[in-house]
Amino acid sequence: MKVNELRKLSADDLNKKKAELTQELFNFKFQLHTGRLENTAKLKGIRQEIARVSTILAEIKP
């Protein structure tokens, strides 16, 4: 999602999104270590998305 789309979400939705992304990151790391992950760039993208969501959550809750 883009930053503008994330800013429109509520704090609860952002927390849910962060939890989903964290679970997805875990799954990708598991696939990486078992040798089944073909596109390792997905890891970087998921980490960046988690960082975006975390930043917006920090802005909402000063």
PDB file of N, CA and C in Angstrom:
ATOM      1  N   MET A   1       0.839  -1.182   0.000  1.00  0.00           N
ATOM      2  CA  MET A   1       0.000   0.000   0.000  1.00  0.00           C
ATOM      3  C   MET A   1       0.881   1.242   0.000  1.00  0.00           C
ATOM      4  N   LYS A   2       0.344   2.291  -0.541  1.00  0.00           N
ATOM      5  CA  LYS A   2       1.067   3.548  -0.538  1.00  0.00           C
ATOM      6  C   LYS A   2       0.837   4.260   0.787  1.00  0.00           C
ATOM      7  N   VAL A   3       1.702   5.215   1.083  1.00  0.00           N
ATOM      8  CA  VAL A   3       1.645   5.923   2.356  1.00  0.00           C
ATOM      9  C   VAL A   3       0.321   6.666   2.507  1.00  0.00           C
ATOM     10  N   ASN A   4      -0.157   7.285   1.434  1.00  0.00           N
ATOM     11  CA  ASN A   4      -1.420   8.020   1.521  1.00  0.00           C
ATOM     12  C   ASN A   4      -2.580   7.094   1.868  1.00  0.00           C
ATOM     13  N   GLU A   5      -2.553   5.893   1.330  1.00  0.00           N
ATOM     14  CA  GLU A   5      -3.606   4.921   1.637  1.00  0.00           C
ATOM     15  C   GLU A   5      -3.504   4.466   3.087  1.00  0.00           C
ATOM     16  N   LEU A   6      -2.279   4.297   3.572  1.00  0.00           N
ATOM     17  CA  LEU A   6      -2.086   3.870   4.955  1.00  0.00           C
ATOM     18  C   LEU A   6      -2.536   4.943   5.940  1.00  0.00           C
ATOM     19  N   ARG A   7      -2.309   6.196   5.591  1.00  0.00           N
ATOM     20  CA  ARG A   7      -2.688   7.292   6.493  1.00  0.00           C
ATOM     21  C   ARG A   7      -4.204   7.387   6.675  1.00  0.00           C
ATOM     22  N   LYS A   8      -4.961   6.880   5.721  1.00  0.00           N
ATOM     23  CA  LYS A   8      -6.417   6.928   5.807  1.00  0.00           C
ATOM     24  C   LYS A   8      -6.982   5.854   6.731  1.00  0.00           C
ATOM     25  N   LEU A   9      -6.167   4.851   7.074  1.00  0.00           N
ATOM     26  CA  LEU A   9      -6.631   3.759   7.923  1.00  0.00           C
ATOM     27  C   LEU A   9      -6.615   4.163   9.396  1.00  0.00           C
ATOM     28  N   SER A  10      -7.458   3.509  10.181  1.00  0.00           N
ATOM     29  CA  SER A  10      -7.487   3.765  11.621  1.00  0.00           C
ATOM     30  C   SER A  10      -6.324   3.039  12.286  1.00  0.00           C
ATOM     31  N   ALA A  11      -6.090   3.362  13.558  1.00  0.00           N
ATOM     32  CA  ALA A  11      -4.996   2.736  14.302  1.00  0.00           C
ATOM     33  C   ALA A  11      -5.215   1.226  14.428  1.00  0.00           C
ATOM     34  N   ASP A  12      -6.462   0.814  14.632  1.00  0.00           N
ATOM     35  CA  ASP A  12      -6.755  -0.620  14.730  1.00  0.00           C
ATOM     36  C   ASP A  12      -6.446  -1.343  13.417  1.00  0.00           C
ATOM     37  N   ASP A  13      -6.838  -0.719  12.316  1.00  0.00           N
ATOM     38  CA  ASP A  13      -6.556  -1.319  11.009  1.00  0.00           C
ATOM     39  C   ASP A  13      -5.053  -1.403  10.755  1.00  0.00           C
ATOM     40  N   LEU A  14      -4.330  -0.369  11.172  1.00  0.00           N
ATOM     41  CA  LEU A  14      -2.880  -0.377  10.991  1.00  0.00           C
ATOM     42  C   LEU A  14      -2.227  -1.466  11.833  1.00  0.00           C
ATOM     43  N   ASN A  15      -2.723  -1.659  13.049  1.00  0.00           N
ATOM     44  CA  ASN A  15      -2.182  -2.723  13.895  1.00  0.00           C
ATOM     45  C   ASN A  15      -2.447  -4.097  13.286  1.00  0.00           C
ATOM     46  N   LYS A  16      -3.633  -4.274  12.714  1.00  0.00           N
ATOM     47  CA  LYS A  16      -3.948  -5.539  12.043  1.00  0.00           C
ATOM     48  C   LYS A  16      -3.040  -5.747  10.834  1.00  0.00           C
ATOM     49  N   LYS A  17      -2.844  -4.680  10.076  1.00  0.00           N
ATOM     50  CA  LYS A  17      -1.984  -4.745   8.893  1.00  0.00           C
ATOM     51  C   LYS A  17      -0.553  -5.102   9.296  1.00  0.00           C
ATOM     52  N   LYS A  18      -0.083  -4.504  10.384  1.00  0.00           N
ATOM     53  CA  LYS A  18       1.275  -4.782  10.859  1.00  0.00           C
ATOM     54  C   LYS A  18       1.402  -6.240  11.296  1.00  0.00           C
ATOM     55  N   ALA A  19       0.388  -6.760  11.969  1.00  0.00           N
ATOM     56  CA  ALA A  19       0.414  -8.161  12.400  1.00  0.00           C
ATOM     57  C   ALA A  19       0.424  -9.100  11.194  1.00  0.00           C
ATOM     58  N   GLU A  20      -0.372  -8.782  10.174  1.00  0.00           N
ATOM     59  CA  GLU A  20      -0.397  -9.601   8.962  1.00  0.00           C
ATOM     60  C   GLU A  20       0.960  -9.591   8.266  1.00  0.00           C
ATOM     61  N   LEU A  21       1.556  -8.405   8.176  1.00  0.00           N
ATOM     62  CA  LEU A  21       2.850  -8.293   7.514  1.00  0.00           C
ATOM     63  C   LEU A  21       3.938  -9.017   8.295  1.00  0.00           C
ATOM     64  N   THR A  22       3.873  -8.952   9.617  1.00  0.00           N
ATOM     65  CA  THR A  22       4.853  -9.648  10.445  1.00  0.00           C
ATOM     66  C   THR A  22       4.742 -11.154  10.246  1.00  0.00           C
ATOM     67  N   GLN A  23       3.529 -11.660  10.177  1.00  0.00           N
ATOM     68  CA  GLN A  23       3.320 -13.090   9.929  1.00  0.00           C
ATOM     69  C   GLN A  23       3.830 -13.476   8.540  1.00  0.00           C
ATOM     70  N   GLU A  24       3.570 -12.615   7.569  1.00  0.00           N
ATOM     71  CA  GLU A  24       4.031 -12.875   6.210  1.00  0.00           C
ATOM     72  C   GLU A  24       5.563 -12.878   6.148  1.00  0.00           C
ATOM     73  N   LEU A  25       6.198 -11.957   6.879  1.00  0.00           N
ATOM     74  CA  LEU A  25       7.658 -11.916   6.938  1.00  0.00           C
ATOM     75  C   LEU A  25       8.207 -13.201   7.551  1.00  0.00           C
ATOM     76  N   PHE A  26       7.568 -13.669   8.611  1.00  0.00           N
ATOM     77  CA  PHE A  26       7.980 -14.923   9.237  1.00  0.00           C
ATOM     78  C   PHE A  26       7.917 -16.073   8.238  1.00  0.00           C
ATOM     79  N   ASN A  27       6.815 -16.135   7.491  1.00  0.00           N
ATOM     80  CA  ASN A  27       6.648 -17.205   6.502  1.00  0.00           C
ATOM     81  C   ASN A  27       7.708 -17.133   5.404  1.00  0.00           C
ATOM     82  N   PHE A  28       8.009 -15.909   4.943  1.00  0.00           N
ATOM     83  CA  PHE A  28       9.033 -15.751   3.915  1.00  0.00           C
ATOM     84  C   PHE A  28      10.406 -16.142   4.447  1.00  0.00           C
ATOM     85  N   LYS A  29      10.711 -15.789   5.689  1.00  0.00           N
ATOM     86  CA  LYS A  29      12.001 -16.168   6.272  1.00  0.00           C
ATOM     87  C   LYS A  29      12.103 -17.685   6.398  1.00  0.00           C
ATOM     88  N   PHE A  30      11.004 -18.313   6.766  1.00  0.00           N
ATOM     89  CA  PHE A  30      10.986 -19.772   6.860  1.00  0.00           C
ATOM     90  C   PHE A  30      11.254 -20.395   5.492  1.00  0.00           C
ATOM     91  N   GLN A  31      10.597 -19.856   4.467  1.00  0.00           N
ATOM     92  CA  GLN A  31      10.809 -20.357   3.112  1.00  0.00           C
ATOM     93  C   GLN A  31      12.247 -20.124   2.658  1.00  0.00           C
ATOM     94  N   LEU A  32      12.823 -18.990   3.052  1.00  0.00           N
ATOM     95  CA  LEU A  32      14.199 -18.683   2.677  1.00  0.00           C
ATOM     96  C   LEU A  32      15.160 -19.712   3.258  1.00  0.00           C
ATOM     97  N   HIS A  33      14.973 -20.049   4.523  1.00  0.00           N
ATOM     98  CA  HIS A  33      15.887 -20.965   5.189  1.00  0.00           C
ATOM     99  C   HIS A  33      15.673 -22.418   4.776  1.00  0.00           C
ATOM    100  N   THR A  34      14.500 -22.729   4.254  1.00  0.00           N
ATOM    101  CA  THR A  34      14.276 -24.087   3.759  1.00  0.00           C
ATOM    102  C   THR A  34      14.574 -24.195   2.264  1.00  0.00           C
ATOM    103  N   GLY A  35      14.939 -23.081   1.646  1.00  0.00           N
ATOM    104  CA  GLY A  35      15.330 -23.098   0.243  1.00  0.00           C
ATOM    105  C   GLY A  35      14.182 -23.046  -0.737  1.00  0.00           C
ATOM    106  N   ARG A  36      13.003 -22.675  -0.293  1.00  0.00           N
ATOM    107  CA  ARG A  36      11.840 -22.643  -1.190  1.00  0.00           C
ATOM    108  C   ARG A  36      11.511 -21.243  -1.692  1.00  0.00           C
ATOM    109  N   LEU A  37      12.148 -20.209  -1.146  1.00  0.00           N
ATOM    110  CA  LEU A  37      11.842 -18.838  -1.566  1.00  0.00           C
ATOM    111  C   LEU A  37      12.674 -18.498  -2.794  1.00  0.00           C
ATOM    112  N   GLU A  38      12.008 -18.163  -3.876  1.00  0.00           N
ATOM    113  CA  GLU A  38      12.706 -17.859  -5.120  1.00  0.00           C
ATOM    114  C   GLU A  38      13.018 -16.372  -5.246  1.00  0.00           C
ATOM    115  N   ASN A  39      12.119 -15.523  -4.810  1.00  0.00           N
ATOM    116  CA  ASN A  39      12.300 -14.086  -4.954  1.00  0.00           C
ATOM    117  C   ASN A  39      12.631 -13.488  -3.585  1.00  0.00           C
ATOM    118  N   THR A  40      13.913 -13.299  -3.315  1.00  0.00           N
ATOM    119  CA  THR A  40      14.330 -12.799  -2.004  1.00  0.00           C
ATOM    120  C   THR A  40      14.054 -11.307  -1.840  1.00  0.00           C
ATOM    121  N   ALA A  41      13.736 -10.617  -2.910  1.00  0.00           N
ATOM    122  CA  ALA A  41      13.416  -9.194  -2.818  1.00  0.00           C
ATOM    123  C   ALA A  41      12.115  -8.972  -2.050  1.00  0.00           C
ATOM    124  N   LYS A  42      11.290  -9.999  -1.956  1.00  0.00           N
ATOM    125  CA  LYS A  42      10.037  -9.884  -1.206  1.00  0.00           C
ATOM    126  C   LYS A  42      10.309  -9.584   0.261  1.00  0.00           C
ATOM    127  N   LEU A  43      11.402 -10.131   0.799  1.00  0.00           N
ATOM    128  CA  LEU A  43      11.748  -9.883   2.203  1.00  0.00           C
ATOM    129  C   LEU A  43      11.962  -8.398   2.448  1.00  0.00           C
ATOM    130  N   LYS A  44      12.708  -7.767   1.566  1.00  0.00           N
ATOM    131  CA  LYS A  44      12.980  -6.339   1.710  1.00  0.00           C
ATOM    132  C   LYS A  44      11.690  -5.531   1.608  1.00  0.00           C
ATOM    133  N   GLY A  45      10.841  -5.891   0.668  1.00  0.00           N
ATOM    134  CA  GLY A  45       9.581  -5.181   0.492  1.00  0.00           C
ATOM    135  C   GLY A  45       8.680  -5.291   1.709  1.00  0.00           C
ATOM    136  N   ILE A  46       8.609  -6.468   2.308  1.00  0.00           N
ATOM    137  CA  ILE A  46       7.778  -6.668   3.498  1.00  0.00           C
ATOM    138  C   ILE A  46       8.337  -5.861   4.668  1.00  0.00           C
ATOM    139  N   ARG A  47       9.668  -5.887   4.830  1.00  0.00           N
ATOM    140  CA  ARG A  47      10.280  -5.113   5.922  1.00  0.00           C
ATOM    141  C   ARG A  47      10.015  -3.620   5.749  1.00  0.00           C
ATOM    142  N   GLN A  48      10.087  -3.130   4.523  1.00  0.00           N
ATOM    143  CA  GLN A  48       9.813  -1.718   4.267  1.00  0.00           C
ATOM    144  C   GLN A  48       8.356  -1.376   4.559  1.00  0.00           C
ATOM    145  N   GLU A  49       7.458  -2.264   4.202  1.00  0.00           N
ATOM    146  CA  GLU A  49       6.030  -2.038   4.459  1.00  0.00           C
ATOM    147  C   GLU A  49       5.758  -2.006   5.964  1.00  0.00           C
ATOM    148  N   ILE A  50       6.402  -2.895   6.717  1.00  0.00           N
ATOM    149  CA  ILE A  50       6.257  -2.892   8.177  1.00  0.00           C
ATOM    150  C   ILE A  50       6.778  -1.577   8.739  1.00  0.00           C
ATOM    151  N   ALA A  51       7.880  -1.088   8.204  1.00  0.00           N
ATOM    152  CA  ALA A  51       8.443   0.184   8.665  1.00  0.00           C
ATOM    153  C   ALA A  51       7.491   1.339   8.370  1.00  0.00           C
ATOM    154  N   ARG A  52       6.856   1.326   7.208  1.00  0.00           N
ATOM    155  CA  ARG A  52       5.892   2.381   6.873  1.00  0.00           C
ATOM    156  C   ARG A  52       4.725   2.389   7.857  1.00  0.00           C
ATOM    157  N   VAL A  53       4.184   1.207   8.113  1.00  0.00           N
ATOM    158  CA  VAL A  53       3.042   1.102   9.025  1.00  0.00           C
ATOM    159  C   VAL A  53       3.454   1.535  10.430  1.00  0.00           C
ATOM    160  N   SER A  54       4.633   1.124  10.869  1.00  0.00           N
ATOM    161  CA  SER A  54       5.109   1.489  12.204  1.00  0.00           C
ATOM    162  C   SER A  54       5.308   2.993  12.328  1.00  0.00           C
ATOM    163  N   THR A  55       5.820   3.609  11.284  1.00  0.00           N
ATOM    164  CA  THR A  55       6.030   5.054  11.297  1.00  0.00           C
ATOM    165  C   THR A  55       4.708   5.796  11.408  1.00  0.00           C
ATOM    166  N   ILE A  56       3.721   5.375  10.656  1.00  0.00           N
ATOM    167  CA  ILE A  56       2.416   6.039  10.700  1.00  0.00           C
ATOM    168  C   ILE A  56       1.757   5.824  12.058  1.00  0.00           C
ATOM    169  N   LEU A  57       1.913   4.628  12.630  1.00  0.00           N
ATOM    170  CA  LEU A  57       1.376   4.379  13.973  1.00  0.00           C
ATOM    171  C   LEU A  57       2.041   5.293  14.997  1.00  0.00           C
ATOM    172  N   ALA A  58       3.334   5.510  14.851  1.00  0.00           N
ATOM    173  CA  ALA A  58       4.049   6.394  15.770  1.00  0.00           C
ATOM    174  C   ALA A  58       3.582   7.839  15.614  1.00  0.00           C
ATOM    175  N   GLU A  59       3.249   8.242  14.412  1.00  0.00           N
ATOM    176  CA  GLU A  59       2.742   9.595  14.186  1.00  0.00           C
ATOM    177  C   GLU A  59       1.362   9.771  14.807  1.00  0.00           C
ATOM    178  N   ILE A  60       0.550   8.724  14.750  1.00  0.00           N
ATOM    179  CA  ILE A  60      -0.801   8.801  15.303  1.00  0.00           C
ATOM    180  C   ILE A  60      -0.767   8.858  16.818  1.00  0.00           C
ATOM    181  N   LYS A  61       0.105   8.051  17.416  1.00  0.00           N
ATOM    182  CA  LYS A  61       0.184   7.956  18.874  1.00  0.00           C
ATOM    183  C   LYS A  61       1.454   8.631  19.381  1.00  0.00           C
ATOM    184  N   PRO A  62       1.432   9.939  19.569  1.00  0.00           N
ATOM    185  CA  PRO A  62       2.643  10.625  20.055  1.00  0.00           C
ATOM    186  C   PRO A  62       2.900  10.369  21.520  1.00  0.00           C
TER     187      PRO A  62
END
